[in-house]
Structure formats: structure tokens, C-alpha cells
C-alpha atoms as a PDB file:
ATOM      1  CA  MET A   1       0.000   0.000   0.000  1.00  0.00           C
ATOM      2  CA  ILE A   2       1.267   3.447  -0.887  1.00  0.00           C
ATOM      3  CA  ILE A   3       0.787   6.045   1.830  1.00  0.00           C
ATOM      4  CA  THR A   4      -0.185   9.329   0.214  1.00  0.00           C
ATOM      5  CA  PRO A   5      -1.374  12.611   1.756  1.00  0.00           C
ATOM      6  CA  THR A   6      -4.894  11.924   0.465  1.00  0.00           C
ATOM      7  CA  PHE A   7      -4.907   8.512   2.138  1.00  0.00           C
ATOM      8  CA  VAL A   8      -3.677   9.943   5.453  1.00  0.00           C
ATOM      9  CA  ILE A   9      -6.214  12.790   5.412  1.00  0.00           C
ATOM     10  CA  SER A  10      -9.116  10.472   4.609  1.00  0.00           C
ATOM     11  CA  LEU A  11      -7.968   8.006   7.306  1.00  0.00           C
ATOM     12  CA  ILE A  12      -7.866  10.845   9.851  1.00  0.00           C
ATOM     13  CA  LEU A  13     -11.319  11.954   8.718  1.00  0.00           C
ATOM     14  CA  VAL A  14     -12.690   8.435   9.198  1.00  0.00           C
ATOM     15  CA  PHE A  15     -10.996   8.214  12.622  1.00  0.00           C
ATOM     16  CA  VAL A  16     -12.620  11.484  13.736  1.00  0.00           C
ATOM     17  CA  LEU A  17     -16.045  10.335  12.533  1.00  0.00           C
ATOM     18  CA  VAL A  18     -15.668   6.967  14.280  1.00  0.00           C
ATOM     19  CA  TRP A  19     -14.425   8.761  17.428  1.00  0.00           C
ATOM     20  CA  LEU A  20     -17.476  11.028  17.422  1.00  0.00           C
ATOM     21  CA  PHE A  21     -19.801   8.083  16.935  1.00  0.00           C
ATOM     22  CA  VAL A  22     -18.204   5.909  19.642  1.00  0.00           C
ATOM     23  CA  ASN A  23     -18.108   8.907  21.976  1.00  0.00           C
ATOM     24  CA  THR A  24     -21.938   8.988  21.876  1.00  0.00           C
ATOM     25  CA  ILE A  25     -21.990   5.422  23.209  1.00  0.00           C
ATOM     26  CA  ASP A  26     -19.504   5.805  26.081  1.00  0.00           C
ATOM     27  CA  ASN A  27     -17.810   8.860  27.599  1.00  0.00           C
ATOM     28  CA  ARG A  28     -14.669   7.085  28.814  1.00  0.00           C
ATOM     29  CA  LYS A  29     -11.960   8.647  26.624  1.00  0.00           C
ATOM     30  CA  TRP A  30      -9.466   5.765  26.836  1.00  0.00           C
ATOM     31  CA  LEU A  31     -12.124   3.229  25.775  1.00  0.00           C
ATOM     32  CA  THR A  32     -13.411   5.511  23.029  1.00  0.00           C
ATOM     33  CA  PHE A  33      -9.865   5.924  21.738  1.00  0.00           C
ATOM     34  CA  LEU A  34      -9.142   2.175  21.706  1.00  0.00           C
ATOM     35  CA  VAL A  35     -12.429   1.255  20.033  1.00  0.00           C
ATOM     36  CA  SER A  36     -11.991   4.038  17.473  1.00  0.00           C
ATOM     37  CA  LEU A  37      -8.432   2.939  16.751  1.00  0.00           C
ATOM     38  CA  VAL A  38      -9.579  -0.632  16.120  1.00  0.00           C
ATOM     39  CA  LEU A  39     -12.686   0.316  14.110  1.00  0.00           C
ATOM     40  CA  THR A  40     -11.076   2.980  11.886  1.00  0.00           C
ATOM     41  CA  PRO A  41      -9.342   0.587   9.417  1.00  0.00           C
ATOM     42  CA  ILE A  42     -12.448  -1.589   9.254  1.00  0.00           C
ATOM     43  CA  VAL A  43     -14.757   1.357   8.581  1.00  0.00           C
ATOM     44  CA  TYR A  44     -12.278   2.840   6.087  1.00  0.00           C
ATOM     45  CA  PHE A  45     -11.816  -0.273   3.948  1.00  0.00           C
ATOM     46  CA  TYR A  46     -15.341  -1.708   4.205  1.00  0.00           C
ATOM     47  CA  VAL A  47     -17.490   1.444   4.203  1.00  0.00           C
ATOM     48  CA  PHE A  48     -15.681   4.651   3.206  1.00  0.00           C
ATOM     49  CA  TYR A  49     -13.453   3.301   0.413  1.00  0.00           C
ATOM     50  CA  PRO A  50     -16.183   1.313  -1.424  1.00  0.00           C
ATOM     51  CA  ILE A  51     -18.562   4.286  -1.320  1.00  0.00           C
ATOM     52  CA  LEU A  52     -15.791   6.557  -2.578  1.00  0.00           C
ATOM     53  CA  ASN A  53     -15.089   4.178  -5.483  1.00  0.00           C
ATOM     54  CA  ILE A  54     -18.745   3.938  -6.437  1.00  0.00           C
ATOM     55  CA  PHE A  55     -19.323   7.673  -6.705  1.00  0.00           C
ATOM     56  CA  SER A  56     -15.950   8.914  -7.966  1.00  0.00           C
ATOM     57  CA  SER A  57     -14.801   8.676 -11.555  1.00  0.00           C
ATOM     58  CA  TYR A  58     -11.170   7.958 -10.709  1.00  0.00           C
ATOM     59  CA  HIS A  59      -9.548   5.129 -12.630  1.00  0.00           C
ATOM     60  CA  HIS A  60      -6.055   3.792 -13.102  1.00  0.00           C
ATOM     61  CA  GLU A  61      -4.012   4.930 -16.077  1.00  0.00           C
ATOM     62  CA  LYS A  62      -1.589   2.738 -17.989  1.00  0.00           C
ATOM     63  CA  HIS A  63       0.942   3.284 -20.718  1.00  0.00           C
ATOM     64  CA  PHE A  64      -0.180   2.056 -24.101  1.00  0.00           C
ATOM     65  CA  ASP A  65       0.611  -1.613 -24.651  1.00  0.00           C
ATOM     66  CA  ALA A  66      -0.568  -3.424 -27.799  1.00  0.00           C
ATOM     67  CA  GLU A  67      -0.786  -6.778 -25.999  1.00  0.00           C
ATOM     68  CA  ALA A  68      -2.931  -5.339 -23.192  1.00  0.00           C
ATOM     69  CA  TRP A  69      -5.064  -3.552 -25.812  1.00  0.00           C
ATOM     70  CA  GLU A  70      -5.800  -6.887 -27.481  1.00  0.00           C
ATOM     71  CA  ALA A  71      -6.143  -8.959 -24.291  1.00  0.00           C
ATOM     72  CA  GLU A  72      -8.395  -6.637 -22.237  1.00  0.00           C
ATOM     73  CA  PRO A  73     -10.755  -4.641 -24.489  1.00  0.00           C
ATOM     74  CA  ALA A  74     -12.890  -3.610 -21.507  1.00  0.00           C
ATOM     75  CA  LEU A  75      -9.901  -1.867 -19.875  1.00  0.00           C
ATOM     76  CA  ARG A  76      -8.707   0.125 -22.874  1.00  0.00           C
ATOM     77  CA  PHE A  77      -9.928   3.362 -21.282  1.00  0.00           C
ATOM     78  CA  GLU A  78      -6.921   3.095 -18.934  1.00  0.00           C
ATOM     79  CA  MET A  79      -4.663   3.838 -21.925  1.00  0.00           C
ATOM     80  CA  ALA A  80      -6.774   6.721 -23.236  1.00  0.00           C
ATOM     81  CA  HIS A  81      -4.676   9.513 -21.710  1.00  0.00           C
ATOM     82  CA  GLU A  82      -1.535   8.481 -23.546  1.00  0.00           C
ATOM     83  CA  ILE A  83      -3.393   7.875 -26.813  1.00  0.00           C
ATOM     84  CA  LEU A  84      -5.224  11.213 -26.778  1.00  0.00           C
ATOM     85  CA  ASN A  85      -2.900  13.649 -25.011  1.00  0.00           C
ATOM     86  CA  ASP A  86       0.508  12.305 -25.991  1.00  0.00           C
ATOM     87  CA  SER A  87      -0.592  11.759 -29.608  1.00  0.00           C
ATOM     88  CA  ILE A  88       1.332   8.508 -29.991  1.00  0.00           C
ATOM     89  CA  PHE A  89      -0.524   7.643 -33.212  1.00  0.00           C
ATOM     90  CA  ILE A  90      -0.219  10.983 -35.019  1.00  0.00           C
ATOM     91  CA  GLU A  91       1.618  10.594 -38.365  1.00  0.00           C
ATOM     92  CA  LYS A  92       1.536   6.776 -38.212  1.00  0.00           C
ATOM     93  CA  ASN A  93       0.275   5.037 -41.322  1.00  0.00           C
ATOM     94  CA  LYS A  94      -2.622   2.577 -41.470  1.00  0.00           C
ATOM     95  CA  ASP A  95      -0.381  -0.489 -41.397  1.00  0.00           C
ATOM     96  CA  GLU A  96       1.374   0.703 -38.222  1.00  0.00           C
ATOM     97  CA  VAL A  97      -1.950   1.466 -36.549  1.00  0.00           C
ATOM     98  CA  LYS A  98      -3.382  -1.891 -37.630  1.00  0.00           C
ATOM     99  CA  SER A  99      -0.374  -3.714 -36.161  1.00  0.00           C
ATOM    100  CA  LEU A 100      -0.828  -1.920 -32.798  1.00  0.00           C
ATOM    101  CA  LEU A 101      -4.616  -1.636 -32.461  1.00  0.00           C
ATOM    102  CA  GLY A 102      -5.858  -4.307 -34.844  1.00  0.00           C
ATOM    103  CA  GLU A 103      -8.556  -3.887 -37.462  1.00  0.00           C
ATOM    104  CA  SER A 104     -10.915  -0.958 -37.056  1.00  0.00           C
ATOM    105  CA  GLU A 105     -14.011  -1.996 -35.128  1.00  0.00           C
ATOM    106  CA  TRP A 106     -16.183   0.291 -37.264  1.00  0.00           C
ATOM    107  CA  TYR A 107     -15.789   3.169 -39.687  1.00  0.00           C
ATOM    108  CA  GLY A 108     -16.950   6.669 -38.809  1.00  0.00           C
ATOM    109  CA  TRP A 109     -19.486   8.696 -40.741  1.00  0.00           C
ATOM    110  CA  ASP A 110     -18.165  11.260 -43.210  1.00  0.00           C
ATOM    111  CA  ASN A 111     -20.659  13.966 -44.194  1.00  0.00           C
ATOM    112  CA  ALA A 112     -18.624  14.871 -47.283  1.00  0.00           C
ATOM    113  CA  ILE A 113     -19.243  11.489 -48.915  1.00  0.00           C
ATOM    114  CA  LYS A 114     -22.487  10.701 -47.014  1.00  0.00           C
ATOM    115  CA  ALA A 115     -21.208   7.269 -46.033  1.00  0.00           C
ATOM    116  CA  ASN A 116     -18.925   5.471 -43.602  1.00  0.00           C
ATOM    117  CA  SER A 117     -15.385   6.426 -44.481  1.00  0.00           C
ATOM    118  CA  PRO A 118     -12.458   3.964 -44.432  1.00  0.00           C
ATOM    119  CA  ASP A 119     -10.359   6.952 -43.276  1.00  0.00           C
ATOM    120  CA  LYS A 120     -12.202   7.210 -39.934  1.00  0.00           C
ATOM    121  CA  TRP A 121     -11.305   4.251 -37.737  1.00  0.00           C
ATOM    122  CA  ASN A 122     -13.224   3.779 -34.490  1.00  0.00           C
ATOM    123  CA  TYR A 123     -12.362   1.660 -31.469  1.00  0.00           C
ATOM    124  CA  ASN A 124     -14.289   0.804 -28.321  1.00  0.00           C
ATOM    125  CA  MET A 125     -12.450   1.755 -25.118  1.00  0.00           C
ATOM    126  CA  GLY A 126     -14.823   0.175 -22.582  1.00  0.00           C
ATOM    127  CA  PHE A 127     -16.664   1.761 -19.658  1.00  0.00           C
ATOM    128  CA  LYS A 128     -14.987   3.890 -17.006  1.00  0.00           C
ATOM    129  CA  PRO A 129     -15.762   2.538 -13.541  1.00  0.00           C
ATOM    130  CA  GLY A 130     -18.328   4.229 -11.375  1.00  0.00           C
ATOM    131  CA  ALA A 131     -21.947   4.039 -10.373  1.00  0.00           C
ATOM    132  CA  PHE A 132     -24.584   5.191 -12.823  1.00  0.00           C
ATOM    133  CA  ASN A 133     -22.111   5.214 -15.714  1.00  0.00           C
ATOM    134  CA  ASN A 134     -23.743   4.116 -18.944  1.00  0.00           C
ATOM    135  CA  MET A 135     -21.391   5.938 -21.294  1.00  0.00           C
ATOM    136  CA  GLN A 136     -19.067   3.814 -23.415  1.00  0.00           C
ATOM    137  CA  GLU A 137     -15.724   5.461 -24.201  1.00  0.00           C
ATOM    138  CA  CYS A 138     -14.635   5.415 -27.860  1.00  0.00           C
ATOM    139  CA  ILE A 139     -11.847   6.890 -29.972  1.00  0.00           C
ATOM    140  CA  GLU A 140     -11.746   7.831 -33.632  1.00  0.00           C
ATOM    141  CA  LEU A 141      -8.552   8.036 -35.671  1.00  0.00           C
ATOM    142  CA  ASN A 142      -8.848  10.291 -38.730  1.00  0.00           C
ATOM    143  CA  PHE A 143      -6.529   9.534 -41.627  1.00  0.00           C
ATOM    144  CA  GLU A 144      -5.402  11.855 -44.413  1.00  0.00           C
ATOM    145  CA  ASN A 145      -3.073  10.530 -47.105  1.00  0.00           C
ATOM    146  CA  ASN A 146      -2.763   7.220 -45.250  1.00  0.00           C
ATOM    147  CA  LYS A 147      -1.457   8.932 -42.046  1.00  0.00           C
ATOM    148  CA  VAL A 148      -3.234   9.680 -38.765  1.00  0.00           C
ATOM    149  CA  LYS A 149      -3.997  13.408 -38.593  1.00  0.00           C
ATOM    150  CA  SER A 150      -6.136  13.492 -35.450  1.00  0.00           C
ATOM    151  CA  VAL A 151      -7.389  11.310 -32.630  1.00  0.00           C
ATOM    152  CA  THR A 152     -10.651  12.237 -30.929  1.00  0.00           C
ATOM    153  CA  SER A 153     -12.617  10.703 -28.118  1.00  0.00           C
ATOM    154  CA  TYR A 154     -16.357  10.520 -27.726  1.00  0.00           C
ATOM    155  CA  GLN A 155     -18.928   8.646 -25.696  1.00  0.00           C
ATOM    156  CA  LEU A 156     -21.812   6.449 -26.748  1.00  0.00           C
ATOM    157  CA  GLU A 157     -24.761   5.961 -24.443  1.00  0.00           C
ATOM    158  CA  LYS A 158     -25.336   2.303 -23.753  1.00  0.00           C
ATOM    159  CA  THR A 159     -28.716   1.077 -22.571  1.00  0.00           C
ATOM    160  CA  PHE A 160     -28.894  -2.043 -20.477  1.00  0.00           C
ATOM    161  CA  ASP A 161     -31.978  -4.250 -20.595  1.00  0.00           C
END
């Protein structure tokens, strides 16, 4: 476990809340302290942390890895930062992109030709974790003269039956 300032602050916050709760049960300070000290890790890891994970949109980020891209399609969103912000695919040709990402999952719509264009490759990135999230992350690579000119992200609403 990595001890970060955020972890320490949230652990102190949970300790104070547990202390205040236990203090309403018994006024003996030494007993309240001991019970709070024992209950704080339990409350943190079994109550506070799961609730925090449900309602926050935090997720892990990974460096782009072609093998992980192929093996875990549902976790591709973890590589999105490097793909979008670091522009690792800009100026790569279609063969290079195909060797790293595989075949395009679908072609994007081009209003100029009023059809799906083979120069707009789309890939599913999966769903970011969090409660009430029904938005599927996707990326689109736009090619001009057989080279990637831009990479954009968008979301598709997914309905679950």
C-alpha cells in the first residue's frame, strides 16, 4: 500500500467520525480511543473506500501496450490519456496502426461522402468505472493521405436491458 497525503487525510477523517460516533456510546476517553483505533481501518476499507469508489470517476491509467489492448478490451480506457494527449498515433500510417490496435471496429461517418469512411477508424475503449455510468468510451482516428492526422474521443450511451 502506498501512503499518500490523500490517504492519510481520509484516514484521519474516518478516525474522527468513528471517534465522534463511539463517543456517543460511552464517555470514557481511553475506551473511546481504543475502540476508534480498532474500528477505523475496518470502517475505512469496508465502508468509506467502497462508497468513494462507487461515486468517484477515478480510474487507473496505464501506458499504451498493444498486448494489453488486445487482451483486455474492456480496460482500454486506462490507456486513453496516452493515446489522446501524448498523440502517440499521429503521423503513423494505417499499417502501423493496424499492427498496434488491430482492425478498425467500425468506420466513422463522413458527411462529405455521405457514407462510412475507411479513413475514420473507431475503437471501443470500454466503460470507465463508477456508479450510474452508462457511457461507453470510444476513440476515432482520422486519416489523411494514409497517415493519422487526429485522434478524438467521444462517448456512446449504452442502454442495459
